[in-house]
């Protein structure tokens, strides 16, 4: 978890949520905090988009996510748990 927090904190990209803090709780559990992102998941948007045209309008969201992952890849970081 420490490594994940450190690597994520090093990524400065508009499509990657910044890490605010990391450490241990009073009970000794590791944690890190990130900016809260409000909104709806891509899965929800896809579920509501019932026509091909509505789904095509979601392409910019997918491209933004691809750009963020590609940026991480340029830093030799591979995300192993992508979800819509």
PDB file of N, CA and C in Angstrom:
ATOM      1  N   UNK A   1       0.826  -1.194   0.000  1.00  0.00           N
ATOM      2  CA  UNK A   1       0.000   0.000   0.000  1.00  0.00           C
ATOM      3  C   UNK A   1       0.869   1.257   0.000  1.00  0.00           C
ATOM      4  N   UNK A   2       1.955   1.202   0.748  1.00  0.00           N
ATOM      5  CA  UNK A   2       2.866   2.365   0.753  1.00  0.00           C
ATOM      6  C   UNK A   2       3.401   2.655  -0.633  1.00  0.00           C
ATOM      7  N   UNK A   3       3.817   1.595  -1.308  1.00  0.00           N
ATOM      8  CA  UNK A   3       4.363   1.760  -2.662  1.00  0.00           C
ATOM      9  C   UNK A   3       3.297   2.329  -3.600  1.00  0.00           C
ATOM     10  N   UNK A   4       2.095   1.804  -3.522  1.00  0.00           N
ATOM     11  CA  UNK A   4       1.001   2.297  -4.360  1.00  0.00           C
ATOM     12  C   UNK A   4       0.740   3.779  -4.105  1.00  0.00           C
ATOM     13  N   UNK A   5       0.684   4.173  -2.848  1.00  0.00           N
ATOM     14  CA  UNK A   5       0.447   5.574  -2.504  1.00  0.00           C
ATOM     15  C   UNK A   5       1.576   6.458  -3.021  1.00  0.00           C
ATOM     16  N   UNK A   6       2.815   6.019  -2.831  1.00  0.00           N
ATOM     17  CA  UNK A   6       3.963   6.804  -3.267  1.00  0.00           C
ATOM     18  C   UNK A   6       3.971   6.972  -4.784  1.00  0.00           C
ATOM     19  N   UNK A   7       3.754   5.869  -5.506  1.00  0.00           N
ATOM     20  CA  UNK A   7       3.749   5.939  -6.967  1.00  0.00           C
ATOM     21  C   UNK A   7       2.608   6.817  -7.483  1.00  0.00           C
ATOM     22  N   UNK A   8       1.437   6.679  -6.897  1.00  0.00           N
ATOM     23  CA  UNK A   8       0.296   7.488  -7.325  1.00  0.00           C
ATOM     24  C   UNK A   8       0.547   8.961  -7.045  1.00  0.00           C
ATOM     25  N   UNK A   9       1.132   9.263  -5.897  1.00  0.00           N
ATOM     26  CA  UNK A   9       1.414  10.652  -5.530  1.00  0.00           C
ATOM     27  C   UNK A   9       2.399  11.305  -6.497  1.00  0.00           C
ATOM     28  N   UNK A  10       3.235  10.510  -7.135  1.00  0.00           N
ATOM     29  CA  UNK A  10       4.218  11.051  -8.075  1.00  0.00           C
ATOM     30  C   UNK A  10       3.617  11.382  -9.439  1.00  0.00           C
ATOM     31  N   UNK A  11       2.397  10.951  -9.699  1.00  0.00           N
ATOM     32  CA  UNK A  11       1.767  11.181 -11.003  1.00  0.00           C
ATOM     33  C   UNK A  11       0.998  12.505 -10.985  1.00  0.00           C
ATOM     34  N   UNK A  12       1.415  13.427 -11.819  1.00  0.00           N
ATOM     35  CA  UNK A  12       0.749  14.726 -11.919  1.00  0.00           C
ATOM     36  C   UNK A  12       0.087  14.805 -13.294  1.00  0.00           C
ATOM     37  N   UNK A  13      -1.198  14.505 -13.320  1.00  0.00           N
ATOM     38  CA  UNK A  13      -1.957  14.466 -14.577  1.00  0.00           C
ATOM     39  C   UNK A  13      -3.401  14.817 -14.266  1.00  0.00           C
ATOM     40  N   UNK A  14      -4.083  15.579 -15.128  1.00  0.00           N
ATOM     41  CA  UNK A  14      -5.473  15.969 -14.840  1.00  0.00           C
ATOM     42  C   UNK A  14      -6.442  14.795 -14.733  1.00  0.00           C
ATOM     43  N   UNK A  15      -6.098  13.651 -15.308  1.00  0.00           N
ATOM     44  CA  UNK A  15      -6.981  12.491 -15.250  1.00  0.00           C
ATOM     45  C   UNK A  15      -6.653  11.526 -14.126  1.00  0.00           C
ATOM     46  N   UNK A  16      -5.703  11.895 -13.266  1.00  0.00           N
ATOM     47  CA  UNK A  16      -5.313  11.034 -12.154  1.00  0.00           C
ATOM     48  C   UNK A  16      -5.579  11.775 -10.850  1.00  0.00           C
ATOM     49  N   UNK A  17      -6.347  11.164  -9.981  1.00  0.00           N
ATOM     50  CA  UNK A  17      -6.731  11.787  -8.714  1.00  0.00           C
ATOM     51  C   UNK A  17      -5.502  11.925  -7.823  1.00  0.00           C
ATOM     52  N   UNK A  18      -5.264  13.137  -7.289  1.00  0.00           N
ATOM     53  CA  UNK A  18      -4.079  13.331  -6.453  1.00  0.00           C
ATOM     54  C   UNK A  18      -4.205  12.685  -5.069  1.00  0.00           C
ATOM     55  N   UNK A  19      -3.068  12.245  -4.563  1.00  0.00           N
ATOM     56  CA  UNK A  19      -2.973  11.710  -3.207  1.00  0.00           C
ATOM     57  C   UNK A  19      -2.730  12.897  -2.279  1.00  0.00           C
ATOM     58  N   UNK A  20      -3.513  12.998  -1.198  1.00  0.00           N
ATOM     59  CA  UNK A  20      -3.356  14.086  -0.241  1.00  0.00           C
ATOM     60  C   UNK A  20      -2.487  13.708   0.946  1.00  0.00           C
ATOM     61  N   UNK A  21      -2.607  12.476   1.414  1.00  0.00           N
ATOM     62  CA  UNK A  21      -1.896  12.095   2.628  1.00  0.00           C
ATOM     63  C   UNK A  21      -1.750  10.576   2.653  1.00  0.00           C
ATOM     64  N   UNK A  22      -0.791  10.116   3.427  1.00  0.00           N
ATOM     65  CA  UNK A  22      -0.591   8.683   3.624  1.00  0.00           C
ATOM     66  C   UNK A  22       0.046   8.492   4.993  1.00  0.00           C
ATOM     67  N   UNK A  23      -0.206   7.340   5.573  1.00  0.00           N
ATOM     68  CA  UNK A  23       0.387   7.076   6.874  1.00  0.00           C
ATOM     69  C   UNK A  23      -0.199   5.841   7.518  1.00  0.00           C
ATOM     70  N   UNK A  24      -0.210   5.852   8.848  1.00  0.00           N
ATOM     71  CA  UNK A  24      -0.771   4.754   9.640  1.00  0.00           C
ATOM     72  C   UNK A  24      -1.823   5.310  10.576  1.00  0.00           C
ATOM     73  N   UNK A  25      -2.868   4.528  10.782  1.00  0.00           N
ATOM     74  CA  UNK A  25      -3.881   4.905  11.758  1.00  0.00           C
ATOM     75  C   UNK A  25      -3.330   4.634  13.161  1.00  0.00           C
ATOM     76  N   UNK A  26      -4.059   5.044  14.176  1.00  0.00           N
ATOM     77  CA  UNK A  26      -3.668   4.764  15.542  1.00  0.00           C
ATOM     78  C   UNK A  26      -3.552   3.286  15.833  1.00  0.00           C
ATOM     79  N   UNK A  27      -4.294   2.474  15.070  1.00  0.00           N
ATOM     80  CA  UNK A  27      -4.242   1.009  15.229  1.00  0.00           C
ATOM     81  C   UNK A  27      -3.142   0.383  14.391  1.00  0.00           C
ATOM     82  N   UNK A  28      -2.404   1.206  13.649  1.00  0.00           N
ATOM     83  CA  UNK A  28      -1.296   0.685  12.854  1.00  0.00           C
ATOM     84  C   UNK A  28      -1.638   0.313  11.423  1.00  0.00           C
ATOM     85  N   UNK A  29      -2.860   0.568  11.000  1.00  0.00           N
ATOM     86  CA  UNK A  29      -3.250   0.244   9.614  1.00  0.00           C
ATOM     87  C   UNK A  29      -2.754   1.327   8.662  1.00  0.00           C
ATOM     88  N   UNK A  30      -2.233   0.869   7.521  1.00  0.00           N
ATOM     89  CA  UNK A  30      -1.786   1.807   6.498  1.00  0.00           C
ATOM     90  C   UNK A  30      -2.990   2.422   5.798  1.00  0.00           C
ATOM     91  N   UNK A  31      -2.839   3.682   5.362  1.00  0.00           N
ATOM     92  CA  UNK A  31      -3.916   4.350   4.622  1.00  0.00           C
ATOM     93  C   UNK A  31      -3.299   5.386   3.688  1.00  0.00           C
ATOM     94  N   UNK A  32      -4.070   5.766   2.692  1.00  0.00           N
ATOM     95  CA  UNK A  32      -3.779   7.004   1.981  1.00  0.00           C
ATOM     96  C   UNK A  32      -5.094   7.622   1.562  1.00  0.00           C
ATOM     97  N   UNK A  33      -5.088   8.949   1.463  1.00  0.00           N
ATOM     98  CA  UNK A  33      -6.299   9.684   1.126  1.00  0.00           C
ATOM     99  C   UNK A  33      -6.096  10.385  -0.210  1.00  0.00           C
ATOM    100  N   UNK A  34      -7.200  10.475  -0.955  1.00  0.00           N
ATOM    101  CA  UNK A  34      -7.180  11.114  -2.268  1.00  0.00           C
ATOM    102  C   UNK A  34      -8.341  12.094  -2.347  1.00  0.00           C
ATOM    103  N   UNK A  35      -8.267  13.009  -3.306  1.00  0.00           N
ATOM    104  CA  UNK A  35      -9.357  13.955  -3.523  1.00  0.00           C
ATOM    105  C   UNK A  35     -10.635  13.182  -3.856  1.00  0.00           C
ATOM    106  N   UNK A  36     -11.747  13.620  -3.298  1.00  0.00           N
ATOM    107  CA  UNK A  36     -13.036  13.011  -3.597  1.00  0.00           C
ATOM    108  C   UNK A  36     -13.476  13.447  -4.987  1.00  0.00           C
ATOM    109  N   UNK A  37     -13.833  12.486  -5.809  1.00  0.00           N
ATOM    110  CA  UNK A  37     -14.317  12.771  -7.160  1.00  0.00           C
ATOM    111  C   UNK A  37     -15.805  12.475  -7.187  1.00  0.00           C
ATOM    112  N   UNK A  38     -16.584  13.500  -7.409  1.00  0.00           N
ATOM    113  CA  UNK A  38     -18.034  13.317  -7.474  1.00  0.00           C
ATOM    114  C   UNK A  38     -18.439  13.038  -8.921  1.00  0.00           C
ATOM    115  N   UNK A  39     -19.495  12.313  -9.071  1.00  0.00           N
ATOM    116  CA  UNK A  39     -19.966  12.031 -10.412  1.00  0.00           C
ATOM    117  C   UNK A  39     -20.514  10.621 -10.492  1.00  0.00           C
ATOM    118  N   UNK A  40     -20.672  10.185 -11.718  1.00  0.00           N
ATOM    119  CA  UNK A  40     -21.239   8.864 -11.954  1.00  0.00           C
ATOM    120  C   UNK A  40     -20.202   8.004 -12.638  1.00  0.00           C
ATOM    121  N   UNK A  41     -20.329   6.700 -12.459  1.00  0.00           N
ATOM    122  CA  UNK A  41     -19.365   5.800 -13.073  1.00  0.00           C
ATOM    123  C   UNK A  41     -19.645   5.664 -14.569  1.00  0.00           C
ATOM    124  N   UNK A  42     -18.617   5.296 -15.290  1.00  0.00           N
ATOM    125  CA  UNK A  42     -18.791   5.035 -16.714  1.00  0.00           C
ATOM    126  C   UNK A  42     -19.761   3.877 -16.908  1.00  0.00           C
ATOM    127  N   UNK A  43     -19.736   2.908 -16.005  1.00  0.00           N
ATOM    128  CA  UNK A  43     -20.679   1.782 -16.102  1.00  0.00           C
ATOM    129  C   UNK A  43     -22.117   2.278 -16.036  1.00  0.00           C
ATOM    130  N   UNK A  44     -22.399   3.208 -15.130  1.00  0.00           N
ATOM    131  CA  UNK A  44     -23.761   3.767 -15.041  1.00  0.00           C
ATOM    132  C   UNK A  44     -24.131   4.519 -16.311  1.00  0.00           C
ATOM    133  N   UNK A  45     -23.208   5.320 -16.812  1.00  0.00           N
ATOM    134  CA  UNK A  45     -23.486   6.077 -18.034  1.00  0.00           C
ATOM    135  C   UNK A  45     -23.737   5.151 -19.218  1.00  0.00           C
ATOM    136  N   UNK A  46     -22.957   4.084 -19.314  1.00  0.00           N
ATOM    137  CA  UNK A  46     -23.156   3.120 -20.398  1.00  0.00           C
ATOM    138  C   UNK A  46     -24.507   2.425 -20.282  1.00  0.00           C
ATOM    139  N   UNK A  47     -24.889   2.112 -19.063  1.00  0.00           N
ATOM    140  CA  UNK A  47     -26.177   1.455 -18.841  1.00  0.00           C
ATOM    141  C   UNK A  47     -27.337   2.353 -19.299  1.00  0.00           C
ATOM    142  N   UNK A  48     -27.200   3.646 -19.073  1.00  0.00           N
ATOM    143  CA  UNK A  48     -28.261   4.589 -19.442  1.00  0.00           C
ATOM    144  C   UNK A  48     -28.242   4.958 -20.922  1.00  0.00           C
ATOM    145  N   UNK A  49     -27.112   4.795 -21.578  1.00  0.00           N
ATOM    146  CA  UNK A  49     -26.999   5.128 -22.997  1.00  0.00           C
ATOM    147  C   UNK A  49     -27.542   3.955 -23.805  1.00  0.00           C
ATOM    148  N   UNK A  50     -28.722   4.130 -24.338  1.00  0.00           N
ATOM    149  CA  UNK A  50     -29.396   3.003 -24.988  1.00  0.00           C
ATOM    150  C   UNK A  50     -29.225   2.971 -26.503  1.00  0.00           C
ATOM    151  N   UNK A  51     -28.751   4.053 -27.087  1.00  0.00           N
ATOM    152  CA  UNK A  51     -28.577   4.068 -28.544  1.00  0.00           C
ATOM    153  C   UNK A  51     -27.088   4.180 -28.876  1.00  0.00           C
ATOM    154  N   UNK A  52     -26.734   3.774 -30.070  1.00  0.00           N
ATOM    155  CA  UNK A  52     -25.325   3.919 -30.471  1.00  0.00           C
ATOM    156  C   UNK A  52     -24.843   5.376 -30.399  1.00  0.00           C
ATOM    157  N   UNK A  53     -25.686   6.311 -30.785  1.00  0.00           N
ATOM    158  CA  UNK A  53     -25.301   7.727 -30.745  1.00  0.00           C
ATOM    159  C   UNK A  53     -25.027   8.183 -29.311  1.00  0.00           C
ATOM    160  N   UNK A  54     -25.867   7.750 -28.370  1.00  0.00           N
ATOM    161  CA  UNK A  54     -25.651   8.111 -26.964  1.00  0.00           C
ATOM    162  C   UNK A  54     -24.345   7.507 -26.442  1.00  0.00           C
ATOM    163  N   UNK A  55     -24.052   6.298 -26.857  1.00  0.00           N
ATOM    164  CA  UNK A  55     -22.800   5.664 -26.416  1.00  0.00           C
ATOM    165  C   UNK A  55     -21.584   6.338 -27.040  1.00  0.00           C
ATOM    166  N   UNK A  56     -21.688   6.743 -28.282  1.00  0.00           N
ATOM    167  CA  UNK A  56     -20.571   7.438 -28.924  1.00  0.00           C
ATOM    168  C   UNK A  56     -20.264   8.760 -28.224  1.00  0.00           C
ATOM    169  N   UNK A  57     -21.279   9.402 -27.664  1.00  0.00           N
ATOM    170  CA  UNK A  57     -21.059  10.661 -26.942  1.00  0.00           C
ATOM    171  C   UNK A  57     -20.236  10.443 -25.667  1.00  0.00           C
ATOM    172  N   UNK A  58     -20.107   9.201 -25.220  1.00  0.00           N
ATOM    173  CA  UNK A  58     -19.306   8.890 -24.036  1.00  0.00           C
ATOM    174  C   UNK A  58     -17.825   8.681 -24.379  1.00  0.00           C
ATOM    175  N   UNK A  59     -17.498   8.626 -25.663  1.00  0.00           N
ATOM    176  CA  UNK A  59     -16.114   8.380 -26.073  1.00  0.00           C
ATOM    177  C   UNK A  59     -15.091   9.314 -25.419  1.00  0.00           C
ATOM    178  N   UNK A  60     -15.375  10.616 -25.286  1.00  0.00           N
ATOM    179  CA  UNK A  60     -14.377  11.481 -24.635  1.00  0.00           C
ATOM    180  C   UNK A  60     -14.018  11.024 -23.215  1.00  0.00           C
ATOM    181  N   UNK A  61     -14.986  10.477 -22.485  1.00  0.00           N
ATOM    182  CA  UNK A  61     -14.698   9.979 -21.137  1.00  0.00           C
ATOM    183  C   UNK A  61     -13.708   8.816 -21.198  1.00  0.00           C
ATOM    184  N   UNK A  62     -13.947   7.906 -22.121  1.00  0.00           N
ATOM    185  CA  UNK A  62     -13.066   6.759 -22.274  1.00  0.00           C
ATOM    186  C   UNK A  62     -11.674   7.197 -22.729  1.00  0.00           C
ATOM    187  N   UNK A  63     -11.619   8.141 -23.659  1.00  0.00           N
ATOM    188  CA  UNK A  63     -10.324   8.636 -24.133  1.00  0.00           C
ATOM    189  C   UNK A  63      -9.549   9.329 -23.021  1.00  0.00           C
ATOM    190  N   UNK A  64     -10.240  10.079 -22.159  1.00  0.00           N
ATOM    191  CA  UNK A  64      -9.563  10.720 -21.021  1.00  0.00           C
ATOM    192  C   UNK A  64      -8.941   9.673 -20.104  1.00  0.00           C
ATOM    193  N   UNK A  65      -9.664   8.596 -19.851  1.00  0.00           N
ATOM    194  CA  UNK A  65      -9.134   7.524 -19.001  1.00  0.00           C
ATOM    195  C   UNK A  65      -7.935   6.860 -19.678  1.00  0.00           C
ATOM    196  N   UNK A  66      -8.022   6.646 -20.980  1.00  0.00           N
ATOM    197  CA  UNK A  66      -6.904   6.044 -21.717  1.00  0.00           C
ATOM    198  C   UNK A  66      -5.675   6.944 -21.662  1.00  0.00           C
ATOM    199  N   UNK A  67      -5.880   8.254 -21.766  1.00  0.00           N
ATOM    200  CA  UNK A  67      -4.746   9.183 -21.690  1.00  0.00           C
ATOM    201  C   UNK A  67      -4.087   9.141 -20.308  1.00  0.00           C
ATOM    202  N   UNK A  68      -4.897   9.042 -19.263  1.00  0.00           N
ATOM    203  CA  UNK A  68      -4.344   8.969 -17.910  1.00  0.00           C
ATOM    204  C   UNK A  68      -3.533   7.689 -17.720  1.00  0.00           C
ATOM    205  N   UNK A  69      -4.062   6.572 -18.202  1.00  0.00           N
ATOM    206  CA  UNK A  69      -3.338   5.303 -18.090  1.00  0.00           C
ATOM    207  C   UNK A  69      -2.060   5.350 -18.934  1.00  0.00           C
ATOM    208  N   UNK A  70      -2.140   5.925 -20.119  1.00  0.00           N
ATOM    209  CA  UNK A  70      -0.955   6.040 -20.974  1.00  0.00           C
ATOM    210  C   UNK A  70       0.114   6.900 -20.296  1.00  0.00           C
ATOM    211  N   UNK A  71      -0.309   7.971 -19.621  1.00  0.00           N
ATOM    212  CA  UNK A  71       0.649   8.804 -18.886  1.00  0.00           C
ATOM    213  C   UNK A  71       1.342   7.979 -17.802  1.00  0.00           C
ATOM    214  N   UNK A  72       0.566   7.212 -17.055  1.00  0.00           N
ATOM    215  CA  UNK A  72       1.161   6.357 -16.022  1.00  0.00           C
ATOM    216  C   UNK A  72       2.151   5.378 -16.650  1.00  0.00           C
ATOM    217  N   UNK A  73       1.810   4.849 -17.807  1.00  0.00           N
ATOM    218  CA  UNK A  73       2.707   3.908 -18.482  1.00  0.00           C
ATOM    219  C   UNK A  73       4.029   4.572 -18.854  1.00  0.00           C
ATOM    220  N   UNK A  74       3.986   5.873 -19.199  1.00  0.00           N
ATOM    221  CA  UNK A  74       5.244   6.562 -19.524  1.00  0.00           C
ATOM    222  C   UNK A  74       6.146   6.655 -18.300  1.00  0.00           C
ATOM    223  N   UNK A  75       5.573   6.503 -17.118  1.00  0.00           N
ATOM    224  CA  UNK A  75       6.329   6.524 -15.860  1.00  0.00           C
ATOM    225  C   UNK A  75       6.600   5.101 -15.358  1.00  0.00           C
ATOM    226  N   UNK A  76       6.370   4.111 -16.242  1.00  0.00           N
ATOM    227  CA  UNK A  76       6.578   2.685 -15.928  1.00  0.00           C
ATOM    228  C   UNK A  76       5.654   2.191 -14.820  1.00  0.00           C
ATOM    229  N   UNK A  77       4.470   2.749 -14.755  1.00  0.00           N
ATOM    230  CA  UNK A  77       3.464   2.320 -13.781  1.00  0.00           C
ATOM    231  C   UNK A  77       2.315   1.679 -14.540  1.00  0.00           C
ATOM    232  N   UNK A  78       1.947   0.466 -14.133  1.00  0.00           N
ATOM    233  CA  UNK A  78       0.857  -0.270 -14.767  1.00  0.00           C
ATOM    234  C   UNK A  78      -0.282  -0.397 -13.772  1.00  0.00           C
ATOM    235  N   UNK A  79      -1.464   0.062 -14.149  1.00  0.00           N
ATOM    236  CA  UNK A  79      -2.648  -0.060 -13.308  1.00  0.00           C
ATOM    237  C   UNK A  79      -3.210  -1.460 -13.506  1.00  0.00           C
ATOM    238  N   UNK A  80      -3.379  -2.196 -12.430  1.00  0.00           N
ATOM    239  CA  UNK A  80      -3.808  -3.609 -12.553  1.00  0.00           C
ATOM    240  C   UNK A  80      -5.247  -3.842 -12.157  1.00  0.00           C
ATOM    241  N   UNK A  81      -6.010  -2.777 -11.983  1.00  0.00           N
ATOM    242  CA  UNK A  81      -7.376  -2.964 -11.496  1.00  0.00           C
ATOM    243  C   UNK A  81      -8.317  -1.907 -12.071  1.00  0.00           C
ATOM    244  N   UNK A  82      -8.314  -1.727 -13.393  1.00  0.00           N
ATOM    245  CA  UNK A  82      -9.192  -0.736 -14.015  1.00  0.00           C
ATOM    246  C   UNK A  82     -10.629  -1.228 -14.031  1.00  0.00           C
ATOM    247  N   UNK A  83     -11.529  -0.317 -13.717  1.00  0.00           N
ATOM    248  CA  UNK A  83     -12.977  -0.619 -13.734  1.00  0.00           C
ATOM    249  C   UNK A  83     -13.699   0.543 -14.380  1.00  0.00           C
ATOM    250  N   UNK A  84     -14.852   0.284 -14.991  1.00  0.00           N
ATOM    251  CA  UNK A  84     -15.601   1.407 -15.567  1.00  0.00           C
ATOM    252  C   UNK A  84     -16.205   2.261 -14.469  1.00  0.00           C
TER     253      UNK A  84
END
